[in-house]
Amino acid sequence: MTKSELIQRLAERNPHLYLRDVEKIVDTVFEEITTALAEGNRVELRGFGAFSVKERDARMGRNPRTGESVFVEAKRLPFFKTGKALRDRLNGEG
């Protein structure tokens, strides 16, 4: 599902809201999650899952094409862990 499909589906389920308002709501939710992660915070959506940031240390890597060693800088990566309710539903248990 794309962001525009999500907006469309929410608008269909909530006919009392204008499409532009639904779009603002979705944008705001995504922006708040992004801002929280950028600040190093964790975002938990009960029953769905939790977004967090993982720190990766600098290391020596290898170019798979040439086999040459290359330096890989430290970085922060987003991480998502599914909630129990979502896992159960995906596995037909819910």
Protein backbone atom coordinates (compact mmCIF):
# COMPACT_ATOMS: atom_id res chain seq x y z
CA MET A 1 0.00 0.00 0.00
CA THR A 2 1.31 3.42 -0.90
CA LYS A 3 0.79 6.62 1.06
CA SER A 4 -1.76 7.87 -1.48
CA GLU A 5 -3.67 4.56 -1.25
CA LEU A 6 -3.71 4.87 2.55
CA ILE A 7 -5.07 8.42 2.30
CA GLN A 8 -7.72 7.30 -0.20
CA ARG A 9 -8.83 4.37 1.98
CA LEU A 10 -9.05 6.55 5.10
CA ALA A 11 -11.06 9.14 3.17
CA GLU A 12 -13.47 6.44 1.98
CA ARG A 13 -13.96 5.17 5.54
CA ASN A 14 -14.49 8.70 6.84
CA PRO A 15 -16.75 10.45 4.32
CA HIS A 16 -17.35 13.31 6.78
CA LEU A 17 -13.69 14.40 6.34
CA TYR A 18 -12.34 16.23 3.32
CA LEU A 19 -9.60 14.46 1.36
CA ARG A 20 -7.17 17.33 2.03
CA ASP A 21 -7.80 16.99 5.79
CA VAL A 22 -7.11 13.24 5.70
CA GLU A 23 -3.91 13.98 3.78
CA LYS A 24 -2.84 16.51 6.45
CA ILE A 25 -3.55 13.97 9.20
CA VAL A 26 -1.46 11.26 7.53
CA ASP A 27 1.37 13.73 6.81
CA THR A 28 1.31 14.90 10.44
CA VAL A 29 1.48 11.35 11.81
CA PHE A 30 4.42 10.47 9.57
CA GLU A 31 6.18 13.74 10.36
CA GLU A 32 5.79 13.18 14.12
CA ILE A 33 7.20 9.65 13.84
CA THR A 34 10.11 10.95 11.74
CA THR A 35 10.83 13.80 14.17
CA ALA A 36 10.76 11.49 17.19
CA LEU A 37 13.17 9.04 15.54
CA ALA A 38 15.50 11.87 14.46
CA GLU A 39 15.64 12.94 18.12
CA GLY A 40 16.55 9.38 19.12
CA ASN A 41 13.16 8.57 20.65
CA ARG A 42 11.13 5.39 20.31
CA VAL A 43 7.59 5.42 18.85
CA GLU A 44 5.24 2.67 19.97
CA LEU A 45 1.86 2.01 18.39
CA ARG A 46 0.17 -0.57 20.61
CA GLY A 47 -0.90 -3.68 18.74
CA PHE A 48 0.99 -2.59 15.62
CA GLY A 49 4.65 -2.25 16.56
CA ALA A 50 7.46 0.02 17.64
CA PHE A 51 9.84 2.20 15.66
CA SER A 52 13.30 2.84 17.08
CA VAL A 53 16.78 3.86 15.96
CA LYS A 54 19.72 1.45 15.88
CA GLU A 55 23.28 2.74 16.00
CA ARG A 56 25.77 1.12 13.64
CA ASP A 57 29.47 1.52 14.49
CA ALA A 58 32.04 2.42 11.88
CA ARG A 59 33.70 -0.66 10.40
CA MET A 60 35.76 -2.02 7.57
CA GLY A 61 33.56 -3.47 4.85
CA ARG A 62 34.26 -5.14 1.53
CA ASN A 63 33.29 -4.06 -1.94
CA PRO A 64 31.51 -7.18 -3.29
CA ARG A 65 32.45 -6.37 -6.88
CA THR A 66 36.20 -5.89 -6.39
CA GLY A 67 36.85 -7.54 -3.02
CA GLU A 68 38.59 -4.33 -1.96
CA SER A 69 38.32 -3.25 1.71
CA VAL A 70 36.40 -0.02 2.25
CA PHE A 71 35.70 2.07 5.33
CA VAL A 72 32.00 2.26 6.27
CA GLU A 73 31.12 5.24 8.48
CA ALA A 74 29.01 4.98 11.63
CA LYS A 75 25.31 5.54 11.00
CA ARG A 76 21.87 5.48 12.54
CA LEU A 77 19.17 3.31 10.98
CA PRO A 78 15.42 3.10 11.59
CA PHE A 79 14.24 -0.21 13.00
CA PHE A 80 10.69 -1.61 13.25
CA LYS A 81 9.61 -4.38 15.58
CA THR A 82 6.10 -5.80 15.08
CA GLY A 83 3.64 -5.88 17.95
CA LYS A 84 2.12 -9.12 19.21
CA ALA A 85 -1.35 -8.39 17.76
CA LEU A 86 0.09 -7.75 14.29
CA ARG A 87 2.27 -10.88 14.43
CA ASP A 88 -0.72 -12.97 15.52
CA ARG A 89 -2.90 -11.60 12.74
CA LEU A 90 -0.24 -12.24 10.09
CA ASN A 91 0.10 -15.83 11.31
CA GLY A 92 -3.66 -16.47 11.30
CA GLU A 93 -3.93 -16.58 15.06
CA GLY A 94 -6.05 -13.46 15.53
